[in-house]
Amino acid sequence: MTREVERTDDGRFVVVDGRRWRTADPALPDDVRARLLHHLGVARSGVRTAGRAGDEAAVAAARVRVQLAKTGLGERGTAWWDQDDDARRARWEAALRALEG
């Protein structure tokens, strides 16, 4: 099944099945984006695995990591287009410190 994905004209959102989702910050360096996406994938996998095992504490911990990764990507928290370059860099650096620390 292929979903139709559209971008808004301003590039800030993608629309999937009629629902808008914020896009990742286009200013992210490629290596930073790759690291954050890796953490996001591992965290989402952790949510699934812990959920199947019925481990609510592990689900909660994995969800915190999902939130950190998505915030670092600019998909959650203060909108990346409302931040200056320094704030954007501080956002993704803080997320990586928390995820890799």
N, C-alpha and C. Protein backbone atom coordinates (compact mmCIF):
# COMPACT_ATOMS: atom_id res chain seq x y z
N MET A 1 0.85 -1.17 0.00
CA MET A 1 0.00 0.00 0.00
C MET A 1 0.89 1.24 0.00
N THR A 2 0.69 2.10 -0.94
CA THR A 2 1.47 3.32 -1.05
C THR A 2 0.61 4.50 -0.62
N ARG A 3 1.15 5.28 0.29
CA ARG A 3 0.44 6.46 0.75
C ARG A 3 0.85 7.66 -0.09
N GLU A 4 -0.10 8.52 -0.32
CA GLU A 4 0.22 9.78 -1.00
C GLU A 4 0.79 10.74 0.02
N VAL A 5 1.96 11.27 -0.29
CA VAL A 5 2.61 12.23 0.59
C VAL A 5 2.82 13.51 -0.20
N GLU A 6 2.33 14.59 0.35
CA GLU A 6 2.50 15.90 -0.28
C GLU A 6 3.26 16.80 0.67
N ARG A 7 3.96 17.77 0.12
CA ARG A 7 4.61 18.82 0.91
C ARG A 7 3.80 20.10 0.77
N THR A 8 3.70 20.85 1.86
CA THR A 8 3.06 22.16 1.76
C THR A 8 3.99 23.08 0.96
N ASP A 9 3.42 24.11 0.38
CA ASP A 9 4.21 25.02 -0.46
C ASP A 9 5.38 25.65 0.28
N ASP A 10 5.23 25.88 1.58
CA ASP A 10 6.32 26.49 2.35
C ASP A 10 7.37 25.48 2.79
N GLY A 11 7.12 24.18 2.56
CA GLY A 11 8.08 23.14 2.90
C GLY A 11 8.15 22.78 4.37
N ARG A 12 7.27 23.34 5.15
CA ARG A 12 7.31 23.11 6.60
C ARG A 12 6.59 21.84 7.03
N PHE A 13 5.71 21.34 6.21
CA PHE A 13 4.90 20.18 6.58
C PHE A 13 4.80 19.20 5.42
N VAL A 14 4.61 17.93 5.77
CA VAL A 14 4.18 16.95 4.80
C VAL A 14 2.75 16.59 5.18
N VAL A 15 1.96 16.21 4.21
CA VAL A 15 0.58 15.82 4.45
C VAL A 15 0.45 14.35 4.05
N VAL A 16 0.08 13.52 5.02
CA VAL A 16 -0.08 12.09 4.81
C VAL A 16 -1.49 11.72 5.21
N ASP A 17 -2.24 11.15 4.29
CA ASP A 17 -3.63 10.77 4.56
C ASP A 17 -4.43 11.92 5.17
N GLY A 18 -4.18 13.13 4.67
CA GLY A 18 -4.92 14.30 5.10
C GLY A 18 -4.44 14.92 6.40
N ARG A 19 -3.41 14.34 7.00
CA ARG A 19 -2.90 14.87 8.27
C ARG A 19 -1.54 15.53 8.07
N ARG A 20 -1.38 16.72 8.65
CA ARG A 20 -0.13 17.46 8.52
C ARG A 20 0.87 17.03 9.58
N TRP A 21 2.12 16.85 9.14
CA TRP A 21 3.23 16.51 10.03
C TRP A 21 4.37 17.48 9.75
N ARG A 22 4.98 17.99 10.81
CA ARG A 22 6.10 18.92 10.63
C ARG A 22 7.30 18.19 10.05
N THR A 23 7.97 18.83 9.11
CA THR A 23 9.17 18.24 8.52
C THR A 23 10.38 18.51 9.41
N ALA A 24 11.42 17.74 9.18
CA ALA A 24 12.66 17.94 9.90
C ALA A 24 13.30 19.25 9.44
N ASP A 25 14.10 19.80 10.30
CA ASP A 25 14.80 21.05 10.04
C ASP A 25 15.74 20.88 8.84
N PRO A 26 15.55 21.64 7.77
CA PRO A 26 16.41 21.50 6.59
C PRO A 26 17.84 21.97 6.83
N ALA A 27 18.09 22.68 7.94
CA ALA A 27 19.45 23.15 8.24
C ALA A 27 20.30 22.08 8.92
N LEU A 28 19.70 20.93 9.25
CA LEU A 28 20.48 19.87 9.90
C LEU A 28 21.60 19.39 8.99
N PRO A 29 22.83 19.34 9.50
CA PRO A 29 23.90 18.73 8.71
C PRO A 29 23.57 17.25 8.47
N ASP A 30 24.00 16.71 7.36
CA ASP A 30 23.67 15.33 7.01
C ASP A 30 24.06 14.33 8.09
N ASP A 31 25.25 14.50 8.69
CA ASP A 31 25.69 13.55 9.71
C ASP A 31 24.82 13.65 10.96
N VAL A 32 24.39 14.84 11.32
CA VAL A 32 23.52 15.03 12.48
C VAL A 32 22.16 14.40 12.20
N ARG A 33 21.62 14.65 11.02
CA ARG A 33 20.33 14.06 10.64
C ARG A 33 20.41 12.54 10.72
N ALA A 34 21.48 11.96 10.20
CA ALA A 34 21.63 10.50 10.21
C ALA A 34 21.69 9.96 11.64
N ARG A 35 22.42 10.63 12.51
CA ARG A 35 22.51 10.18 13.91
C ARG A 35 21.16 10.27 14.60
N LEU A 36 20.44 11.38 14.40
CA LEU A 36 19.13 11.53 15.03
C LEU A 36 18.14 10.51 14.49
N LEU A 37 18.17 10.26 13.19
CA LEU A 37 17.25 9.26 12.62
C LEU A 37 17.59 7.86 13.13
N HIS A 38 18.87 7.58 13.32
CA HIS A 38 19.26 6.29 13.90
C HIS A 38 18.66 6.14 15.30
N HIS A 39 18.84 7.18 16.13
CA HIS A 39 18.29 7.14 17.49
C HIS A 39 16.77 7.01 17.46
N LEU A 40 16.12 7.70 16.53
CA LEU A 40 14.67 7.61 16.41
C LEU A 40 14.24 6.19 16.08
N GLY A 41 14.90 5.56 15.13
CA GLY A 41 14.56 4.19 14.76
C GLY A 41 14.75 3.21 15.90
N VAL A 42 15.86 3.34 16.61
CA VAL A 42 16.14 2.45 17.75
C VAL A 42 15.09 2.67 18.84
N ALA A 43 14.75 3.94 19.10
CA ALA A 43 13.77 4.24 20.13
C ALA A 43 12.38 3.71 19.77
N ARG A 44 11.99 3.87 18.52
CA ARG A 44 10.68 3.33 18.09
C ARG A 44 10.65 1.82 18.21
N SER A 45 11.74 1.18 17.86
CA SER A 45 11.83 -0.26 18.01
C SER A 45 11.72 -0.64 19.48
N GLY A 46 12.35 0.16 20.34
CA GLY A 46 12.26 -0.09 21.78
C GLY A 46 10.84 0.03 22.30
N VAL A 47 10.08 0.98 21.78
CA VAL A 47 8.67 1.12 22.19
C VAL A 47 7.91 -0.14 21.82
N ARG A 48 8.11 -0.62 20.59
CA ARG A 48 7.41 -1.83 20.14
C ARG A 48 7.79 -3.05 20.97
N THR A 49 9.08 -3.25 21.16
CA THR A 49 9.56 -4.42 21.89
C THR A 49 9.08 -4.41 23.33
N ALA A 50 9.20 -3.27 23.98
CA ALA A 50 8.77 -3.17 25.38
C ALA A 50 7.26 -3.32 25.50
N GLY A 51 6.53 -2.78 24.53
CA GLY A 51 5.08 -2.91 24.55
C GLY A 51 4.64 -4.36 24.43
N ARG A 52 5.29 -5.09 23.54
CA ARG A 52 4.96 -6.51 23.38
C ARG A 52 5.29 -7.31 24.64
N ALA A 53 6.32 -6.88 25.35
CA ALA A 53 6.73 -7.56 26.57
C ALA A 53 5.91 -7.12 27.78
N GLY A 54 5.10 -6.08 27.61
CA GLY A 54 4.29 -5.57 28.71
C GLY A 54 5.09 -4.79 29.75
N ASP A 55 6.25 -4.29 29.36
CA ASP A 55 7.13 -3.55 30.26
C ASP A 55 6.85 -2.06 30.12
N GLU A 56 5.94 -1.57 30.95
CA GLU A 56 5.51 -0.16 30.84
C GLU A 56 6.64 0.82 31.15
N ALA A 57 7.54 0.49 32.05
CA ALA A 57 8.66 1.38 32.37
C ALA A 57 9.58 1.51 31.16
N ALA A 58 9.83 0.40 30.47
CA ALA A 58 10.69 0.45 29.28
C ALA A 58 9.99 1.18 28.14
N VAL A 59 8.67 1.04 28.02
CA VAL A 59 7.92 1.79 27.01
C VAL A 59 8.07 3.28 27.27
N ALA A 60 7.91 3.69 28.52
CA ALA A 60 8.01 5.11 28.87
C ALA A 60 9.42 5.63 28.58
N ALA A 61 10.44 4.86 28.91
CA ALA A 61 11.82 5.29 28.65
C ALA A 61 12.08 5.42 27.15
N ALA A 62 11.57 4.47 26.38
CA ALA A 62 11.77 4.53 24.92
C ALA A 62 11.02 5.71 24.32
N ARG A 63 9.86 6.02 24.85
CA ARG A 63 9.10 7.17 24.35
C ARG A 63 9.81 8.48 24.63
N VAL A 64 10.50 8.56 25.76
CA VAL A 64 11.31 9.74 26.05
C VAL A 64 12.38 9.90 24.99
N ARG A 65 12.99 8.80 24.57
CA ARG A 65 14.04 8.84 23.56
C ARG A 65 13.46 9.22 22.19
N VAL A 66 12.25 8.75 21.88
CA VAL A 66 11.58 9.17 20.64
C VAL A 66 11.38 10.68 20.67
N GLN A 67 10.89 11.19 21.78
CA GLN A 67 10.66 12.64 21.91
C GLN A 67 11.95 13.42 21.73
N LEU A 68 13.03 12.97 22.35
CA LEU A 68 14.32 13.64 22.21
C LEU A 68 14.77 13.68 20.75
N ALA A 69 14.67 12.55 20.07
CA ALA A 69 15.11 12.48 18.68
C ALA A 69 14.26 13.38 17.79
N LYS A 70 12.95 13.35 17.97
CA LYS A 70 12.07 14.16 17.14
C LYS A 70 12.24 15.65 17.43
N THR A 71 12.51 15.99 18.69
CA THR A 71 12.80 17.38 19.03
C THR A 71 14.11 17.81 18.38
N GLY A 72 15.12 16.96 18.44
CA GLY A 72 16.40 17.27 17.80
C GLY A 72 16.26 17.47 16.31
N LEU A 73 15.39 16.69 15.69
CA LEU A 73 15.14 16.83 14.25
C LEU A 73 14.36 18.10 13.92
N GLY A 74 13.73 18.67 14.93
CA GLY A 74 12.92 19.88 14.71
C GLY A 74 11.46 19.57 14.44
N GLU A 75 11.07 18.32 14.61
CA GLU A 75 9.70 17.92 14.34
C GLU A 75 8.78 18.17 15.53
N ARG A 76 9.35 18.42 16.69
CA ARG A 76 8.58 18.73 17.90
C ARG A 76 9.25 19.89 18.61
N GLY A 77 8.53 20.47 19.55
CA GLY A 77 9.07 21.61 20.28
C GLY A 77 8.86 22.89 19.48
N THR A 78 9.68 23.87 19.77
CA THR A 78 9.58 25.15 19.06
C THR A 78 9.84 24.91 17.57
N ALA A 79 9.00 25.46 16.74
CA ALA A 79 9.14 25.27 15.29
C ALA A 79 10.49 25.79 14.83
N TRP A 80 11.16 25.01 13.99
CA TRP A 80 12.51 25.39 13.54
C TRP A 80 12.51 26.71 12.79
N TRP A 81 11.44 27.05 12.12
CA TRP A 81 11.40 28.31 11.37
C TRP A 81 11.22 29.51 12.29
N ASP A 82 10.92 29.27 13.57
CA ASP A 82 10.82 30.35 14.55
C ASP A 82 12.10 30.50 15.37
N GLN A 83 13.13 29.72 15.04
CA GLN A 83 14.39 29.77 15.77
C GLN A 83 15.49 30.36 14.89
N ASP A 84 16.41 31.08 15.52
CA ASP A 84 17.57 31.55 14.76
C ASP A 84 18.57 30.39 14.64
N ASP A 85 19.62 30.60 13.89
CA ASP A 85 20.59 29.53 13.63
C ASP A 85 21.21 28.99 14.91
N ASP A 86 21.52 29.86 15.86
CA ASP A 86 22.13 29.41 17.11
C ASP A 86 21.18 28.53 17.91
N ALA A 87 19.91 28.92 17.96
CA ALA A 87 18.92 28.13 18.70
C ALA A 87 18.70 26.78 18.03
N ARG A 88 18.72 26.76 16.72
CA ARG A 88 18.53 25.50 16.00
C ARG A 88 19.69 24.55 16.30
N ARG A 89 20.91 25.08 16.24
CA ARG A 89 22.08 24.25 16.53
C ARG A 89 22.04 23.77 17.98
N ALA A 90 21.69 24.64 18.90
CA ALA A 90 21.61 24.26 20.31
C ALA A 90 20.58 23.15 20.51
N ARG A 91 19.46 23.21 19.76
CA ARG A 91 18.41 22.20 19.88
C ARG A 91 18.93 20.83 19.50
N TRP A 92 19.57 20.72 18.32
CA TRP A 92 20.01 19.38 17.91
C TRP A 92 21.21 18.91 18.71
N GLU A 93 22.08 19.82 19.15
CA GLU A 93 23.21 19.41 19.97
C GLU A 93 22.76 18.90 21.33
N ALA A 94 21.76 19.56 21.94
CA ALA A 94 21.23 19.11 23.22
C ALA A 94 20.58 17.73 23.09
N ALA A 95 19.86 17.52 22.01
CA ALA A 95 19.22 16.21 21.80
C ALA A 95 20.28 15.12 21.65
N LEU A 96 21.31 15.39 20.89
CA LEU A 96 22.37 14.38 20.70
C LEU A 96 23.11 14.12 22.01
N ARG A 97 23.37 15.16 22.80
CA ARG A 97 24.03 14.94 24.10
C ARG A 97 23.19 14.03 24.98
N ALA A 98 21.88 14.28 25.01
CA ALA A 98 20.99 13.47 25.84
C ALA A 98 20.90 12.03 25.32
N LEU A 99 20.87 11.87 24.01
CA LEU A 99 20.73 10.54 23.44
C LEU A 99 22.02 9.73 23.46
N GLU A 100 23.14 10.42 23.38
CA GLU A 100 24.42 9.72 23.29
C GLU A 100 25.23 9.79 24.58
N GLY A 101 24.73 10.55 25.55
CA GLY A 101 25.47 10.80 26.77
C GLY A 101 25.48 9.72 27.76
